[in-house]
Amino acid sequence: MKNSKKEIARKRMEILFNNALLNARNNPELAQKQALLIKGISMKFKIAIPPEIRSSFCKKCKKFIVPNISSRVRLGQGNSKSISITCSFCNHVYRKIIKN
């Protein structure tokens, strides 16, 4: 019984994430509400948010950010291959290292 509820919750999180990505350009407020629902579902059912969804939240202000819409994505320079992501809400910059 518990596992079936968690599976339904995971599927619902994926559906909400896909809808939030589609609505991010035309209706950003709706996308933010859908992202809040994702967080609420994960807390209610004690499920970790999948990494591909978790990476779409700002690490500082916790808002839903979409590349090129509500954030800026740049490639790192030099020997260390990295991606720098800047949140357009709080201007926080965080980097992700790319493995060779």
PDB file of N, CA and C in Angstrom:
ATOM      1  N   MET A   1       0.812  -1.190   0.000  1.00  0.00           N
ATOM      2  CA  MET A   1       0.000   0.000   0.000  1.00  0.00           C
ATOM      3  C   MET A   1       0.860   1.260   0.000  1.00  0.00           C
ATOM      4  N   LYS A   2       1.900   1.284   0.878  1.00  0.00           N
ATOM      5  CA  LYS A   2       2.759   2.460   0.957  1.00  0.00           C
ATOM      6  C   LYS A   2       3.519   2.676  -0.337  1.00  0.00           C
ATOM      7  N   ASN A   3       4.038   1.592  -0.904  1.00  0.00           N
ATOM      8  CA  ASN A   3       4.828   1.714  -2.119  1.00  0.00           C
ATOM      9  C   ASN A   3       4.003   2.237  -3.281  1.00  0.00           C
ATOM     10  N   SER A   4       2.745   1.842  -3.373  1.00  0.00           N
ATOM     11  CA  SER A   4       1.907   2.313  -4.467  1.00  0.00           C
ATOM     12  C   SER A   4       1.636   3.812  -4.327  1.00  0.00           C
ATOM     13  N   LYS A   5       1.462   4.303  -3.100  1.00  0.00           N
ATOM     14  CA  LYS A   5       1.260   5.730  -2.889  1.00  0.00           C
ATOM     15  C   LYS A   5       2.515   6.510  -3.275  1.00  0.00           C
ATOM     16  N   LYS A   6       3.674   5.969  -2.936  1.00  0.00           N
ATOM     17  CA  LYS A   6       4.924   6.649  -3.272  1.00  0.00           C
ATOM     18  C   LYS A   6       5.158   6.660  -4.777  1.00  0.00           C
ATOM     19  N   GLU A   7       4.793   5.587  -5.449  1.00  0.00           N
ATOM     20  CA  GLU A   7       4.948   5.545  -6.904  1.00  0.00           C
ATOM     21  C   GLU A   7       4.026   6.568  -7.571  1.00  0.00           C
ATOM     22  N   ILE A   8       2.799   6.649  -7.086  1.00  0.00           N
ATOM     23  CA  ILE A   8       1.860   7.639  -7.622  1.00  0.00           C
ATOM     24  C   ILE A   8       2.388   9.044  -7.371  1.00  0.00           C
ATOM     25  N   ALA A   9       2.965   9.267  -6.200  1.00  0.00           N
ATOM     26  CA  ALA A   9       3.522  10.583  -5.866  1.00  0.00           C
ATOM     27  C   ALA A   9       4.701  10.915  -6.785  1.00  0.00           C
ATOM     28  N   ARG A  10       5.573   9.953  -7.069  1.00  0.00           N
ATOM     29  CA  ARG A  10       6.710  10.187  -7.977  1.00  0.00           C
ATOM     30  C   ARG A  10       6.221  10.542  -9.379  1.00  0.00           C
ATOM     31  N   LYS A  11       5.214   9.802  -9.865  1.00  0.00           N
ATOM     32  CA  LYS A  11       4.672  10.087 -11.188  1.00  0.00           C
ATOM     33  C   LYS A  11       4.032  11.468 -11.224  1.00  0.00           C
ATOM     34  N   ARG A  12       3.351  11.822 -10.144  1.00  0.00           N
ATOM     35  CA  ARG A  12       2.717  13.140 -10.071  1.00  0.00           C
ATOM     36  C   ARG A  12       3.769  14.254 -10.073  1.00  0.00           C
ATOM     37  N   MET A  13       4.895  14.009  -9.394  1.00  0.00           N
ATOM     38  CA  MET A  13       5.982  14.989  -9.387  1.00  0.00           C
ATOM     39  C   MET A  13       6.538  15.184 -10.796  1.00  0.00           C
ATOM     40  N   GLU A  14       6.696  14.104 -11.546  1.00  0.00           N
ATOM     41  CA  GLU A  14       7.200  14.206 -12.917  1.00  0.00           C
ATOM     42  C   GLU A  14       6.217  14.959 -13.808  1.00  0.00           C
ATOM     43  N   ILE A  15       4.922  14.680 -13.645  1.00  0.00           N
ATOM     44  CA  ILE A  15       3.906  15.366 -14.445  1.00  0.00           C
ATOM     45  C   ILE A  15       3.908  16.860 -14.127  1.00  0.00           C
ATOM     46  N   LEU A  16       3.974  17.206 -12.840  1.00  0.00           N
ATOM     47  CA  LEU A  16       4.004  18.615 -12.449  1.00  0.00           C
ATOM     48  C   LEU A  16       5.254  19.314 -12.976  1.00  0.00           C
ATOM     49  N   PHE A  17       6.383  18.623 -12.953  1.00  0.00           N
ATOM     50  CA  PHE A  17       7.622  19.206 -13.459  1.00  0.00           C
ATOM     51  C   PHE A  17       7.515  19.496 -14.948  1.00  0.00           C
ATOM     52  N   ASN A  18       7.003  18.542 -15.714  1.00  0.00           N
ATOM     53  CA  ASN A  18       6.847  18.750 -17.161  1.00  0.00           C
ATOM     54  C   ASN A  18       5.888  19.907 -17.449  1.00  0.00           C
ATOM     55  N   ASN A  19       4.787  19.986 -16.684  1.00  0.00           N
ATOM     56  CA  ASN A  19       3.849  21.090 -16.870  1.00  0.00           C
ATOM     57  C   ASN A  19       4.475  22.423 -16.490  1.00  0.00           C
ATOM     58  N   ALA A  20       5.287  22.438 -15.445  1.00  0.00           N
ATOM     59  CA  ALA A  20       5.942  23.677 -15.023  1.00  0.00           C
ATOM     60  C   ALA A  20       6.922  24.147 -16.098  1.00  0.00           C
ATOM     61  N   LEU A  21       7.625  23.220 -16.733  1.00  0.00           N
ATOM     62  CA  LEU A  21       8.534  23.608 -17.817  1.00  0.00           C
ATOM     63  C   LEU A  21       7.770  24.193 -18.993  1.00  0.00           C
ATOM     64  N   LEU A  22       6.624  23.613 -19.308  1.00  0.00           N
ATOM     65  CA  LEU A  22       5.821  24.124 -20.422  1.00  0.00           C
ATOM     66  C   LEU A  22       5.224  25.493 -20.108  1.00  0.00           C
ATOM     67  N   ASN A  23       4.849  25.719 -18.846  1.00  0.00           N
ATOM     68  CA  ASN A  23       4.202  26.970 -18.464  1.00  0.00           C
ATOM     69  C   ASN A  23       5.179  28.075 -18.074  1.00  0.00           C
ATOM     70  N   ALA A  24       6.462  27.782 -18.019  1.00  0.00           N
ATOM     71  CA  ALA A  24       7.437  28.736 -17.504  1.00  0.00           C
ATOM     72  C   ALA A  24       7.499  30.013 -18.343  1.00  0.00           C
ATOM     73  N   ARG A  25       7.377  29.910 -19.636  1.00  0.00           N
ATOM     74  CA  ARG A  25       7.489  31.090 -20.488  1.00  0.00           C
ATOM     75  C   ARG A  25       6.191  31.897 -20.514  1.00  0.00           C
ATOM     76  N   ASN A  26       5.065  31.238 -20.671  1.00  0.00           N
ATOM     77  CA  ASN A  26       3.789  31.944 -20.824  1.00  0.00           C
ATOM     78  C   ASN A  26       3.158  32.353 -19.502  1.00  0.00           C
ATOM     79  N   ASN A  27       3.285  31.507 -18.488  1.00  0.00           N
ATOM     80  CA  ASN A  27       2.638  31.770 -17.206  1.00  0.00           C
ATOM     81  C   ASN A  27       3.591  31.398 -16.069  1.00  0.00           C
ATOM     82  N   PRO A  28       4.539  32.278 -15.731  1.00  0.00           N
ATOM     83  CA  PRO A  28       5.547  31.925 -14.731  1.00  0.00           C
ATOM     84  C   PRO A  28       4.976  31.730 -13.321  1.00  0.00           C
ATOM     85  N   GLU A  29       3.896  32.419 -12.993  1.00  0.00           N
ATOM     86  CA  GLU A  29       3.297  32.241 -11.663  1.00  0.00           C
ATOM     87  C   GLU A  29       2.743  30.829 -11.500  1.00  0.00           C
ATOM     88  N   LEU A  30       2.112  30.320 -12.539  1.00  0.00           N
ATOM     89  CA  LEU A  30       1.585  28.955 -12.501  1.00  0.00           C
ATOM     90  C   LEU A  30       2.728  27.943 -12.381  1.00  0.00           C
ATOM     91  N   ALA A  31       3.826  28.202 -13.078  1.00  0.00           N
ATOM     92  CA  ALA A  31       4.988  27.311 -12.991  1.00  0.00           C
ATOM     93  C   ALA A  31       5.554  27.290 -11.571  1.00  0.00           C
ATOM     94  N   GLN A  32       5.602  28.452 -10.901  1.00  0.00           N
ATOM     95  CA  GLN A  32       6.088  28.507  -9.524  1.00  0.00           C
ATOM     96  C   GLN A  32       5.164  27.726  -8.583  1.00  0.00           C
ATOM     97  N   LYS A  33       3.858  27.829  -8.798  1.00  0.00           N
ATOM     98  CA  LYS A  33       2.905  27.094  -7.956  1.00  0.00           C
ATOM     99  C   LYS A  33       3.049  25.582  -8.155  1.00  0.00           C
ATOM    100  N   GLN A  34       3.258  25.173  -9.402  1.00  0.00           N
ATOM    101  CA  GLN A  34       3.443  23.751  -9.671  1.00  0.00           C
ATOM    102  C   GLN A  34       4.735  23.241  -9.039  1.00  0.00           C
ATOM    103  N   ALA A  35       5.768  24.068  -9.036  1.00  0.00           N
ATOM    104  CA  ALA A  35       7.024  23.679  -8.397  1.00  0.00           C
ATOM    105  C   ALA A  35       6.852  23.573  -6.882  1.00  0.00           C
ATOM    106  N   LEU A  36       6.049  24.451  -6.298  1.00  0.00           N
ATOM    107  CA  LEU A  36       5.766  24.350  -4.864  1.00  0.00           C
ATOM    108  C   LEU A  36       5.000  23.071  -4.541  1.00  0.00           C
ATOM    109  N   LEU A  37       4.119  22.670  -5.446  1.00  0.00           N
ATOM    110  CA  LEU A  37       3.397  21.411  -5.257  1.00  0.00           C
ATOM    111  C   LEU A  37       4.353  20.222  -5.282  1.00  0.00           C
ATOM    112  N   ILE A  38       5.374  20.289  -6.128  1.00  0.00           N
ATOM    113  CA  ILE A  38       6.376  19.218  -6.174  1.00  0.00           C
ATOM    114  C   ILE A  38       7.055  19.089  -4.830  1.00  0.00           C
ATOM    115  N   LYS A  39       7.461  20.221  -4.249  1.00  0.00           N
ATOM    116  CA  LYS A  39       8.108  20.191  -2.943  1.00  0.00           C
ATOM    117  C   LYS A  39       7.163  19.681  -1.861  1.00  0.00           C
ATOM    118  N   GLY A  40       5.901  20.099  -1.929  1.00  0.00           N
ATOM    119  CA  GLY A  40       4.921  19.650  -0.948  1.00  0.00           C
ATOM    120  C   GLY A  40       4.684  18.156  -1.000  1.00  0.00           C
ATOM    121  N   ILE A  41       4.600  17.617  -2.205  1.00  0.00           N
ATOM    122  CA  ILE A  41       4.408  16.169  -2.369  1.00  0.00           C
ATOM    123  C   ILE A  41       5.601  15.409  -1.817  1.00  0.00           C
ATOM    124  N   SER A  42       6.808  15.907  -2.100  1.00  0.00           N
ATOM    125  CA  SER A  42       7.993  15.198  -1.620  1.00  0.00           C
ATOM    126  C   SER A  42       8.077  15.212  -0.099  1.00  0.00           C
ATOM    127  N   MET A  43       7.651  16.298   0.529  1.00  0.00           N
ATOM    128  CA  MET A  43       7.685  16.342   1.990  1.00  0.00           C
ATOM    129  C   MET A  43       6.583  15.487   2.601  1.00  0.00           C
ATOM    130  N   LYS A  44       5.400  15.502   1.993  1.00  0.00           N
ATOM    131  CA  LYS A  44       4.283  14.753   2.549  1.00  0.00           C
ATOM    132  C   LYS A  44       4.538  13.244   2.512  1.00  0.00           C
ATOM    133  N   PHE A  45       5.083  12.762   1.400  1.00  0.00           N
ATOM    134  CA  PHE A  45       5.297  11.329   1.250  1.00  0.00           C
ATOM    135  C   PHE A  45       6.724  10.904   1.584  1.00  0.00           C
ATOM    136  N   LYS A  46       7.543  11.849   2.047  1.00  0.00           N
ATOM    137  CA  LYS A  46       8.930  11.583   2.442  1.00  0.00           C
ATOM    138  C   LYS A  46       9.708  10.917   1.312  1.00  0.00           C
ATOM    139  N   ILE A  47       9.640  11.549   0.142  1.00  0.00           N
ATOM    140  CA  ILE A  47      10.322  11.077  -1.057  1.00  0.00           C
ATOM    141  C   ILE A  47      11.370  12.113  -1.437  1.00  0.00           C
ATOM    142  N   ALA A  48      12.557  11.660  -1.795  1.00  0.00           N
ATOM    143  CA  ALA A  48      13.573  12.585  -2.289  1.00  0.00           C
ATOM    144  C   ALA A  48      13.188  13.046  -3.694  1.00  0.00           C
ATOM    145  N   ILE A  49      13.394  14.324  -3.944  1.00  0.00           N
ATOM    146  CA  ILE A  49      13.117  14.861  -5.276  1.00  0.00           C
ATOM    147  C   ILE A  49      14.201  14.341  -6.215  1.00  0.00           C
ATOM    148  N   PRO A  50      13.826  13.808  -7.385  1.00  0.00           N
ATOM    149  CA  PRO A  50      14.828  13.293  -8.329  1.00  0.00           C
ATOM    150  C   PRO A  50      15.838  14.371  -8.724  1.00  0.00           C
ATOM    151  N   PRO A  51      17.072  13.991  -9.000  1.00  0.00           N
ATOM    152  CA  PRO A  51      18.128  14.975  -9.293  1.00  0.00           C
ATOM    153  C   PRO A  51      17.820  15.904 -10.460  1.00  0.00           C
ATOM    154  N   GLU A  52      17.179  15.406 -11.501  1.00  0.00           N
ATOM    155  CA  GLU A  52      16.885  16.267 -12.651  1.00  0.00           C
ATOM    156  C   GLU A  52      15.857  17.344 -12.303  1.00  0.00           C
ATOM    157  N   ILE A  53      14.980  17.047 -11.346  1.00  0.00           N
ATOM    158  CA  ILE A  53      14.016  18.052 -10.883  1.00  0.00           C
ATOM    159  C   ILE A  53      14.672  18.954  -9.851  1.00  0.00           C
ATOM    160  N   ARG A  54      15.465  18.391  -8.958  1.00  0.00           N
ATOM    161  CA  ARG A  54      16.117  19.160  -7.889  1.00  0.00           C
ATOM    162  C   ARG A  54      17.051  20.222  -8.449  1.00  0.00           C
ATOM    163  N   SER A  55      17.673  19.934  -9.593  1.00  0.00           N
ATOM    164  CA  SER A  55      18.600  20.897 -10.179  1.00  0.00           C
ATOM    165  C   SER A  55      17.885  22.104 -10.775  1.00  0.00           C
ATOM    166  N   SER A  56      16.567  22.067 -10.856  1.00  0.00           N
ATOM    167  CA  SER A  56      15.803  23.186 -11.393  1.00  0.00           C
ATOM    168  C   SER A  56      15.349  24.165 -10.321  1.00  0.00           C
ATOM    169  N   PHE A  57      15.836  24.000  -9.105  1.00  0.00           N
ATOM    170  CA  PHE A  57      15.516  24.926  -8.021  1.00  0.00           C
ATOM    171  C   PHE A  57      16.775  25.693  -7.646  1.00  0.00           C
ATOM    172  N   CYS A  58      16.619  26.979  -7.359  1.00  0.00           N
ATOM    173  CA  CYS A  58      17.753  27.791  -6.926  1.00  0.00           C
ATOM    174  C   CYS A  58      18.197  27.320  -5.549  1.00  0.00           C
ATOM    175  N   LYS A  59      19.503  27.267  -5.351  1.00  0.00           N
ATOM    176  CA  LYS A  59      20.035  26.789  -4.072  1.00  0.00           C
ATOM    177  C   LYS A  59      19.875  27.818  -2.964  1.00  0.00           C
ATOM    178  N   LYS A  60      19.674  29.095  -3.307  1.00  0.00           N
ATOM    179  CA  LYS A  60      19.578  30.134  -2.298  1.00  0.00           C
ATOM    180  C   LYS A  60      18.125  30.510  -2.000  1.00  0.00           C
ATOM    181  N   CYS A  61      17.383  30.951  -3.019  1.00  0.00           N
ATOM    182  CA  CYS A  61      16.008  31.426  -2.783  1.00  0.00           C
ATOM    183  C   CYS A  61      14.967  30.328  -2.945  1.00  0.00           C
ATOM    184  N   LYS A  62      15.364  29.131  -3.391  1.00  0.00           N
ATOM    185  CA  LYS A  62      14.501  27.951  -3.514  1.00  0.00           C
ATOM    186  C   LYS A  62      13.380  28.103  -4.535  1.00  0.00           C
ATOM    187  N   LYS A  63      13.510  29.051  -5.457  1.00  0.00           N
ATOM    188  CA  LYS A  63      12.491  29.217  -6.490  1.00  0.00           C
ATOM    189  C   LYS A  63      12.800  28.320  -7.678  1.00  0.00           C
ATOM    190  N   PHE A  64      11.775  28.061  -8.462  1.00  0.00           N
ATOM    191  CA  PHE A  64      11.892  27.233  -9.654  1.00  0.00           C
ATOM    192  C   PHE A  64      12.537  28.064 -10.759  1.00  0.00           C
ATOM    193  N   ILE A  65      13.654  27.598 -11.292  1.00  0.00           N
ATOM    194  CA  ILE A  65      14.325  28.316 -12.366  1.00  0.00           C
ATOM    195  C   ILE A  65      14.420  27.426 -13.594  1.00  0.00           C
ATOM    196  N   VAL A  66      14.196  28.041 -14.741  1.00  0.00           N
ATOM    197  CA  VAL A  66      14.258  27.337 -16.016  1.00  0.00           C
ATOM    198  C   VAL A  66      15.385  27.963 -16.826  1.00  0.00           C
ATOM    199  N   PRO A  67      16.277  27.164 -17.393  1.00  0.00           N
ATOM    200  CA  PRO A  67      17.375  27.734 -18.174  1.00  0.00           C
ATOM    201  C   PRO A  67      16.870  28.639 -19.291  1.00  0.00           C
ATOM    202  N   ASN A  68      17.515  29.784 -19.438  1.00  0.00           N
ATOM    203  CA  ASN A  68      17.236  30.801 -20.456  1.00  0.00           C
ATOM    204  C   ASN A  68      15.905  31.522 -20.271  1.00  0.00           C
ATOM    205  N   ILE A  69      15.133  31.190 -19.263  1.00  0.00           N
ATOM    206  CA  ILE A  69      13.891  31.908 -18.996  1.00  0.00           C
ATOM    207  C   ILE A  69      14.019  32.652 -17.669  1.00  0.00           C
ATOM    208  N   SER A  70      14.287  31.926 -16.612  1.00  0.00           N
ATOM    209  CA  SER A  70      14.445  32.557 -15.307  1.00  0.00           C
ATOM    210  C   SER A  70      15.844  32.357 -14.737  1.00  0.00           C
ATOM    211  N   SER A  71      16.778  31.976 -15.596  1.00  0.00           N
ATOM    212  CA  SER A  71      18.169  31.856 -15.168  1.00  0.00           C
ATOM    213  C   SER A  71      19.069  32.034 -16.390  1.00  0.00           C
ATOM    214  N   ARG A  72      20.331  32.270 -16.101  1.00  0.00           N
ATOM    215  CA  ARG A  72      21.325  32.424 -17.155  1.00  0.00           C
ATOM    216  C   ARG A  72      22.338  31.303 -17.006  1.00  0.00           C
ATOM    217  N   VAL A  73      22.659  30.640 -18.106  1.00  0.00           N
ATOM    218  CA  VAL A  73      23.580  29.505 -18.083  1.00  0.00           C
ATOM    219  C   VAL A  73      24.798  29.860 -18.921  1.00  0.00           C
ATOM    220  N   ARG A  74      25.977  29.703 -18.313  1.00  0.00           N
ATOM    221  CA  ARG A  74      27.236  30.003 -18.997  1.00  0.00           C
ATOM    222  C   ARG A  74      28.184  28.819 -18.875  1.00  0.00           C
ATOM    223  N   LEU A  75      29.029  28.670 -19.878  1.00  0.00           N
ATOM    224  CA  LEU A  75      30.058  27.640 -19.823  1.00  0.00           C
ATOM    225  C   LEU A  75      31.286  28.210 -19.133  1.00  0.00           C
ATOM    226  N   GLY A  76      31.911  27.382 -18.293  1.00  0.00           N
ATOM    227  CA  GLY A  76      33.099  27.803 -17.568  1.00  0.00           C
ATOM    228  C   GLY A  76      34.303  27.916 -18.480  1.00  0.00           C
ATOM    229  N   GLN A  77      35.264  28.710 -18.049  1.00  0.00           N
ATOM    230  CA  GLN A  77      36.458  28.935 -18.842  1.00  0.00           C
ATOM    231  C   GLN A  77      37.654  28.326 -18.132  1.00  0.00           C
ATOM    232  N   GLY A  78      38.668  27.998 -18.890  1.00  0.00           N
ATOM    233  CA  GLY A  78      39.883  27.461 -18.309  1.00  0.00           C
ATOM    234  C   GLY A  78      39.905  25.946 -18.339  1.00  0.00           C
ATOM    235  N   ASN A  79      40.772  25.392 -17.490  1.00  0.00           N
ATOM    236  CA  ASN A  79      40.956  23.944 -17.477  1.00  0.00           C
ATOM    237  C   ASN A  79      39.794  23.210 -16.827  1.00  0.00           C
ATOM    238  N   SER A  80      39.164  23.813 -15.830  1.00  0.00           N
ATOM    239  CA  SER A  80      38.046  23.141 -15.159  1.00  0.00           C
ATOM    240  C   SER A  80      36.773  23.338 -15.974  1.00  0.00           C
ATOM    241  N   LYS A  81      36.249  22.268 -16.493  1.00  0.00           N
ATOM    242  CA  LYS A  81      35.021  22.335 -17.274  1.00  0.00           C
ATOM    243  C   LYS A  81      33.842  22.466 -16.321  1.00  0.00           C
ATOM    244  N   SER A  82      33.104  23.546 -16.442  1.00  0.00           N
ATOM    245  CA  SER A  82      31.980  23.763 -15.535  1.00  0.00           C
ATOM    246  C   SER A  82      30.894  24.568 -16.221  1.00  0.00           C
ATOM    247  N   ILE A  83      29.715  24.538 -15.618  1.00  0.00           N
ATOM    248  CA  ILE A  83      28.579  25.335 -16.054  1.00  0.00           C
ATOM    249  C   ILE A  83      28.224  26.240 -14.890  1.00  0.00           C
ATOM    250  N   SER A  84      28.099  27.536 -15.142  1.00  0.00           N
ATOM    251  CA  SER A  84      27.664  28.434 -14.078  1.00  0.00           C
ATOM    252  C   SER A  84      26.227  28.857 -14.364  1.00  0.00           C
ATOM    253  N   ILE A  85      25.391  28.744 -13.357  1.00  0.00           N
ATOM    254  CA  ILE A  85      23.970  29.054 -13.457  1.00  0.00           C
ATOM    255  C   ILE A  85      23.684  30.234 -12.544  1.00  0.00           C
ATOM    256  N   THR A  86      23.078  31.298 -13.098  1.00  0.00           N
ATOM    257  CA  THR A  86      22.749  32.485 -12.335  1.00  0.00           C
ATOM    258  C   THR A  86      21.227  32.599 -12.244  1.00  0.00           C
ATOM    259  N   CYS A  87      20.727  32.638 -11.025  1.00  0.00           N
ATOM    260  CA  CYS A  87      19.290  32.791 -10.793  1.00  0.00           C
ATOM    261  C   CYS A  87      18.910  34.245 -11.080  1.00  0.00           C
ATOM    262  N   SER A  88      17.834  34.455 -11.838  1.00  0.00           N
ATOM    263  CA  SER A  88      17.421  35.820 -12.154  1.00  0.00           C
ATOM    264  C   SER A  88      16.608  36.455 -11.023  1.00  0.00           C
ATOM    265  N   PHE A  89      16.194  35.662 -10.045  1.00  0.00           N
ATOM    266  CA  PHE A  89      15.435  36.206  -8.921  1.00  0.00           C
ATOM    267  C   PHE A  89      16.354  36.800  -7.862  1.00  0.00           C
ATOM    268  N   CYS A  90      17.411  36.066  -7.487  1.00  0.00           N
ATOM    269  CA  CYS A  90      18.289  36.516  -6.395  1.00  0.00           C
ATOM    270  C   CYS A  90      19.726  36.757  -6.848  1.00  0.00           C
ATOM    271  N   ASN A  91      20.017  36.544  -8.127  1.00  0.00           N
ATOM    272  CA  ASN A  91      21.363  36.707  -8.710  1.00  0.00           C
ATOM    273  C   ASN A  91      22.417  35.822  -8.055  1.00  0.00           C
ATOM    274  N   HIS A  92      22.010  34.719  -7.476  1.00  0.00           N
ATOM    275  CA  HIS A  92      22.960  33.779  -6.896  1.00  0.00           C
ATOM    276  C   HIS A  92      23.576  32.947  -8.016  1.00  0.00           C
ATOM    277  N   VAL A  93      24.890  32.776  -7.980  1.00  0.00           N
ATOM    278  CA  VAL A  93      25.606  32.004  -8.996  1.00  0.00           C
ATOM    279  C   VAL A  93      26.106  30.720  -8.364  1.00  0.00           C
ATOM    280  N   TYR A  94      25.812  29.598  -8.983  1.00  0.00           N
ATOM    281  CA  TYR A  94      26.394  28.343  -8.536  1.00  0.00           C
ATOM    282  C   TYR A  94      26.896  27.581  -9.745  1.00  0.00           C
ATOM    283  N   ARG A  95      27.887  26.739  -9.517  1.00  0.00           N
ATOM    284  CA  ARG A  95      28.581  26.069 -10.598  1.00  0.00           C
ATOM    285  C   ARG A  95      28.438  24.549 -10.490  1.00  0.00           C
ATOM    286  N   LYS A  96      28.376  23.934 -11.640  1.00  0.00           N
ATOM    287  CA  LYS A  96      28.358  22.482 -11.711  1.00  0.00           C
ATOM    288  C   LYS A  96      29.575  22.058 -12.513  1.00  0.00           C
ATOM    289  N   ILE A  97      30.349  21.163 -11.950  1.00  0.00           N
ATOM    290  CA  ILE A  97      31.538  20.659 -12.621  1.00  0.00           C
ATOM    291  C   ILE A  97      31.132  19.561 -13.589  1.00  0.00           C
ATOM    292  N   ILE A  98      31.677  19.623 -14.789  1.00  0.00           N
ATOM    293  CA  ILE A  98      31.398  18.613 -15.814  1.00  0.00           C
ATOM    294  C   ILE A  98      32.558  17.633 -15.815  1.00  0.00           C
ATOM    295  N   LYS A  99      32.261  16.361 -15.715  1.00  0.00           N
ATOM    296  CA  LYS A  99      33.310  15.336 -15.751  1.00  0.00           C
ATOM    297  C   LYS A  99      33.800  15.162 -17.177  1.00  0.00           C
ATOM    298  N   ASN A 100      35.050  14.792 -17.308  1.00  0.00           N
ATOM    299  CA  ASN A 100      35.635  14.583 -18.637  1.00  0.00           C
ATOM    300  C   ASN A 100      35.111  13.339 -19.288  1.00  0.00           C
TER     301      ASN A 100
END
